């Protein structure tokens, strides 16, 4: 499974990692939205597991969580969405992103096994710190599923080795000390952080939080291995509901096109 993630980060450009909330606006609409991400040029799909208290997320994704939960989305629905996506797109990696409660309440082994059966490649659990890796990490690794860790502007040289220990897939660099979607980091700070982290790991570094425009995506794509876009896509889903697939595809295409030529532009 993790080989799909390894293959998703090409040598000549950054990968485009796209996030949507599973079950938003409802579980029936999500498959078409996921297909639209792929058609638009997404290299990695990050599928959010709706949760009642998404502490790392800003208003757009909070609202998406509430819409999904109000529509009745359950963990079983999310796994079914992932399973269907894997059948339609055998080579595109899927990462589940969410919080500890839905992932651990039935036991980490149950969750890891369910992810493996659904064809999930990696898991981002926002609120399990590295000190508590035993709560989920060993079960995921035993099934070949990458525990994808987060690093932030406050992750210093003393803590970074602990963040990287047992990590897999890619490292998600959260470029701002805040919640999703509300602000974007200064480009110079991103470049410094990526260089610093790359000195400590061979994992690809994907940068997110606050990326909205093709220009922002291209700037990050010149220095990072991946660009993560979430809130801007979720807002399109909010605006268009069950008809969001077309607008999502068109928006993602603008990002993918910008990233595709970013490094050529930088060296021209």
Protein backbone atom coordinates (compact mmCIF):
# COMPACT_ATOMS: atom_id res chain seq x y z
CA UNK A 1 0.00 0.00 0.00
CA UNK A 2 2.69 2.48 0.96
CA UNK A 3 4.23 1.94 -2.48
CA UNK A 4 1.32 3.94 -3.91
CA UNK A 5 2.33 6.83 -1.67
CA UNK A 6 5.98 6.49 -2.65
CA UNK A 7 5.05 6.61 -6.33
CA UNK A 8 2.81 9.66 -5.83
CA UNK A 9 5.72 12.07 -5.32
CA UNK A 10 7.45 12.47 -8.71
CA UNK A 11 11.04 13.66 -8.92
CA UNK A 12 10.40 16.54 -11.32
CA UNK A 13 7.49 18.32 -9.59
CA UNK A 14 5.60 18.51 -6.33
CA UNK A 15 2.67 16.20 -5.72
CA UNK A 16 -0.77 17.74 -5.28
CA UNK A 17 -2.51 16.48 -2.15
CA UNK A 18 -6.22 17.33 -2.05
CA UNK A 19 -8.51 17.15 0.98
CA UNK A 20 -12.28 16.79 1.20
CA UNK A 21 -14.53 15.74 4.06
CA UNK A 22 -16.14 12.34 3.63
CA UNK A 23 -19.92 12.54 3.56
CA UNK A 24 -20.07 16.24 2.66
CA UNK A 25 -22.71 17.08 1.56
CA UNK A 26 -23.63 13.41 1.99
CA UNK A 27 -22.07 10.01 1.46
CA UNK A 28 -23.75 9.57 -1.92
CA UNK A 29 -22.11 12.72 -3.32
CA UNK A 30 -18.56 12.06 -2.11
CA UNK A 31 -17.48 9.48 -4.75
CA UNK A 32 -18.09 11.89 -7.64
CA UNK A 33 -16.18 14.63 -5.81
CA UNK A 34 -13.24 12.26 -5.24
CA UNK A 35 -13.27 11.29 -8.92
CA UNK A 36 -13.23 15.00 -9.78
CA UNK A 37 -10.10 15.49 -7.66
CA UNK A 38 -8.33 12.80 -9.67
CA UNK A 39 -9.59 14.17 -12.99
CA UNK A 40 -8.31 17.59 -11.96
CA UNK A 41 -4.83 16.26 -11.30
CA UNK A 42 -4.66 15.34 -7.62
CA UNK A 43 -1.85 12.89 -6.84
CA UNK A 44 -2.94 12.00 -3.30
CA UNK A 45 -6.44 12.03 -1.83
CA UNK A 46 -6.85 13.09 1.78
CA UNK A 47 -10.27 12.00 3.00
CA UNK A 48 -11.44 13.69 6.19
CA UNK A 49 -13.29 11.65 8.80
CA UNK A 50 -15.99 13.94 10.22
CA UNK A 51 -15.73 14.56 13.94
CA UNK A 52 -17.68 16.67 16.41
CA UNK A 53 -14.66 18.58 17.72
CA UNK A 54 -12.12 19.06 14.90
CA UNK A 55 -9.66 21.15 16.91
CA UNK A 56 -7.11 21.70 14.12
CA UNK A 57 -9.64 22.85 11.55
CA UNK A 58 -10.98 26.27 10.70
CA UNK A 59 -14.56 27.33 9.93
CA UNK A 60 -14.80 25.79 6.45
CA UNK A 61 -13.84 22.28 7.49
CA UNK A 62 -15.71 22.56 10.80
CA UNK A 63 -18.85 23.31 8.81
CA UNK A 64 -18.15 20.39 6.46
CA UNK A 65 -17.84 18.08 9.47
CA UNK A 66 -21.20 19.26 10.76
CA UNK A 67 -22.87 18.86 7.35
CA UNK A 68 -21.51 15.34 7.05
CA UNK A 69 -22.53 14.30 10.53
CA UNK A 70 -25.99 15.83 10.05
CA UNK A 71 -26.34 13.72 6.90
CA UNK A 72 -25.72 10.63 9.05
CA UNK A 73 -22.20 9.74 7.91
CA UNK A 74 -20.71 6.87 9.91
CA UNK A 75 -17.27 5.26 9.93
CA UNK A 76 -18.70 2.41 7.87
CA UNK A 77 -19.75 4.91 5.19
CA UNK A 78 -16.26 6.42 5.09
CA UNK A 79 -14.67 3.00 4.68
CA UNK A 80 -17.17 2.15 1.93
CA UNK A 81 -16.27 5.40 0.14
CA UNK A 82 -12.58 4.49 0.37
CA UNK A 83 -13.25 0.96 -0.86
CA UNK A 84 -15.17 2.21 -3.88
CA UNK A 85 -12.49 4.75 -4.69
CA UNK A 86 -9.79 2.07 -4.53
CA UNK A 87 -11.75 -0.06 -7.01
CA UNK A 88 -12.11 2.85 -9.43
CA UNK A 89 -8.58 4.24 -8.96
CA UNK A 90 -6.20 1.37 -8.15
CA UNK A 91 -3.05 3.52 -8.22
CA UNK A 92 -4.10 6.75 -6.47
CA UNK A 93 -3.23 6.78 -2.76
CA UNK A 94 -5.88 7.54 -0.15
CA UNK A 95 -5.06 8.96 3.27
CA UNK A 96 -7.64 9.15 6.05
CA UNK A 97 -7.34 12.28 8.17
CA UNK A 98 -9.13 12.69 11.45
CA UNK A 99 -9.12 12.45 15.20
CA UNK A 100 -8.42 9.70 17.69
CA UNK A 101 -11.89 8.82 18.93
CA UNK A 102 -13.34 7.31 15.71
CA UNK A 103 -10.02 5.62 14.99
CA UNK A 104 -9.47 3.96 18.36
CA UNK A 105 -12.82 3.41 20.04
CA UNK A 106 -13.15 -0.12 18.63
CA UNK A 107 -9.44 -0.78 19.10
CA UNK A 108 -6.50 0.18 16.91
CA UNK A 109 -6.28 -3.29 15.40
CA UNK A 110 -9.89 -3.10 14.24
CA UNK A 111 -9.32 0.27 12.61
CA UNK A 112 -6.05 -0.73 10.96
CA UNK A 113 -7.60 -3.91 9.58
CA UNK A 114 -10.62 -2.00 8.26
CA UNK A 115 -8.33 0.53 6.58
CA UNK A 116 -6.28 -2.25 5.00
CA UNK A 117 -9.39 -3.93 3.64
CA UNK A 118 -10.57 -0.61 2.20
CA UNK A 119 -7.26 0.03 0.45
CA UNK A 120 -6.25 3.01 2.59
CA UNK A 121 -2.56 3.92 2.29
CA UNK A 122 -1.98 6.23 5.22
CA UNK A 123 -3.58 7.79 8.29
CA UNK A 124 -3.18 11.26 9.78
CA UNK A 125 -4.44 11.37 13.36
CA UNK A 126 -4.27 14.95 14.53
CA UNK A 127 -4.62 14.46 18.27
CA UNK A 128 -2.42 11.46 19.02
CA UNK A 129 1.01 12.94 19.84
CA UNK A 130 4.16 11.00 19.08
CA UNK A 131 4.52 10.17 22.78
CA UNK A 132 1.29 8.16 22.48
CA UNK A 133 2.17 6.39 19.22
CA UNK A 134 1.33 3.04 20.82
CA UNK A 135 -2.35 3.99 20.72
CA UNK A 136 -2.47 3.52 16.93
CA UNK A 137 0.94 3.47 15.22
CA UNK A 138 1.96 -0.18 15.72
CA UNK A 139 -1.40 -1.44 14.45
CA UNK A 140 -1.16 0.68 11.32
CA UNK A 141 2.44 -0.29 10.58
CA UNK A 142 1.58 -3.97 11.05
CA UNK A 143 -0.92 -3.63 8.19
CA UNK A 144 1.44 -1.68 5.94
CA UNK A 145 -0.42 1.59 6.47
CA UNK A 146 1.70 4.72 6.84
CA UNK A 147 1.26 6.77 10.03
CA UNK A 148 1.68 10.26 8.56
CA UNK A 149 3.02 12.73 11.07
CA UNK A 150 2.61 16.48 11.37
CA UNK A 151 5.40 19.00 11.90
CA UNK A 152 4.77 22.67 12.62
CA UNK A 153 6.72 25.92 12.91
CA UNK A 154 7.19 25.10 16.59
CA UNK A 155 8.71 21.65 15.93
CA UNK A 156 12.29 22.36 16.89
CA UNK A 157 15.47 20.35 16.33
CA UNK A 158 15.07 18.62 19.67
CA UNK A 159 11.57 17.34 18.90
CA UNK A 160 11.85 16.58 15.18
CA UNK A 161 13.52 13.15 15.64
CA UNK A 162 10.60 12.00 17.79
CA UNK A 163 8.12 13.21 15.15
CA UNK A 164 9.97 11.26 12.46
CA UNK A 165 10.35 8.06 14.51
CA UNK A 166 7.90 5.51 13.10
CA UNK A 167 6.50 7.96 10.54
CA UNK A 168 5.71 6.87 6.99
CA UNK A 169 4.33 7.99 3.65
CA UNK A 170 5.22 11.66 3.85
CA UNK A 171 5.66 14.35 6.48
CA UNK A 172 2.89 16.94 6.57
CA UNK A 173 4.38 20.34 7.38
CA UNK A 174 1.69 22.57 8.86
CA UNK A 175 3.01 25.93 7.71
CA UNK A 176 1.18 28.10 10.24
CA UNK A 177 0.70 27.85 13.99
CA UNK A 178 -3.08 27.92 13.79
CA UNK A 179 -6.15 26.31 12.28
CA UNK A 180 -6.80 25.33 8.68
CA UNK A 181 -7.83 27.75 6.01
CA UNK A 182 -7.44 31.10 7.78
CA UNK A 183 -3.97 32.31 6.87
CA UNK A 184 -0.89 31.44 4.85
CA UNK A 185 2.70 31.38 5.98
CA UNK A 186 5.37 33.65 4.55
CA UNK A 187 7.12 31.83 1.70
CA UNK A 188 10.57 32.39 3.19
CA UNK A 189 9.58 30.64 6.40
CA UNK A 190 8.29 27.65 4.39
CA UNK A 191 11.53 27.40 2.43
CA UNK A 192 13.60 27.49 5.62
CA UNK A 193 11.47 24.87 7.33
CA UNK A 194 11.47 22.49 4.35
CA UNK A 195 15.25 22.70 4.06
CA UNK A 196 15.65 22.08 7.79
CA UNK A 197 13.34 19.05 7.82
CA UNK A 198 14.82 17.57 4.65
CA UNK A 199 18.19 17.45 6.38
CA UNK A 200 16.68 14.97 8.85
CA UNK A 201 14.54 12.65 6.72
CA UNK A 202 14.16 11.04 3.31
CA UNK A 203 10.37 11.21 3.58
CA UNK A 204 8.69 13.58 1.13
CA UNK A 205 7.68 16.90 2.72
CA UNK A 206 4.18 18.12 1.88
CA UNK A 207 3.22 21.65 2.93
CA UNK A 208 -0.31 22.78 3.70
CA UNK A 209 -2.61 25.11 5.65
CA UNK A 210 -3.81 28.23 3.88
CA UNK A 211 -2.95 27.30 0.28
CA UNK A 212 -5.63 28.70 -2.02
CA UNK A 213 -4.32 30.10 -5.29
CA UNK A 214 -2.33 28.53 -8.14
CA UNK A 215 0.39 31.09 -7.43
CA UNK A 216 0.68 29.97 -3.79
CA UNK A 217 0.70 26.32 -4.84
CA UNK A 218 3.43 26.96 -7.41
CA UNK A 219 5.60 28.85 -4.94
CA UNK A 220 5.43 26.00 -2.44
CA UNK A 221 5.86 23.41 -5.19
CA UNK A 222 9.23 24.90 -6.09
CA UNK A 223 10.69 23.91 -2.72
CA UNK A 224 8.48 21.18 -1.23
CA UNK A 225 7.74 17.64 -2.38
CA UNK A 226 4.00 18.13 -2.03
CA UNK A 227 1.36 20.85 -1.77
CA UNK A 228 -1.75 20.23 0.36
CA UNK A 229 -5.00 22.06 -0.41
CA UNK A 230 -8.12 21.54 1.68
CA UNK A 231 -10.28 24.42 2.86
CA UNK A 232 -10.52 26.03 -0.58
CA UNK A 233 -11.88 22.77 -2.03
CA UNK A 234 -14.24 22.26 0.90
CA UNK A 235 -15.65 25.75 0.32
CA UNK A 236 -16.46 24.81 -3.29
CA UNK A 237 -18.32 21.76 -2.00
CA UNK A 238 -20.18 24.02 0.43
CA UNK A 239 -21.23 26.34 -2.41
CA UNK A 240 -22.29 23.67 -4.91
CA UNK A 241 -23.36 20.72 -2.76
CA UNK A 242 -24.17 17.60 -4.73
CA UNK A 243 -23.23 19.44 -7.94
CA UNK A 244 -19.70 20.24 -6.74
CA UNK A 245 -17.79 17.70 -8.86
CA UNK A 246 -17.39 19.92 -11.93
CA UNK A 247 -16.31 23.08 -10.10
CA UNK A 248 -13.95 21.02 -7.91
CA UNK A 249 -12.34 19.43 -10.97
CA UNK A 250 -11.86 22.79 -12.67
CA UNK A 251 -10.32 24.40 -9.57
CA UNK A 252 -7.98 21.50 -8.89
CA UNK A 253 -6.83 21.61 -12.52
CA UNK A 254 -5.64 25.21 -12.03
CA UNK A 255 -3.54 24.07 -9.07
CA UNK A 256 -2.15 21.03 -10.86
CA UNK A 257 -1.21 23.07 -13.92
CA UNK A 258 0.59 25.65 -11.79
CA UNK A 259 2.52 23.00 -9.88
CA UNK A 260 3.43 21.13 -13.07
CA UNK A 261 5.47 24.04 -14.40
CA UNK A 262 6.60 25.63 -11.12
CA UNK A 263 10.12 24.24 -11.07
CA UNK A 264 10.65 24.91 -14.79
CA UNK A 265 9.68 28.52 -14.18
CA UNK A 266 12.06 28.75 -11.22
CA UNK A 267 15.04 27.55 -13.29
CA UNK A 268 14.22 29.34 -16.55
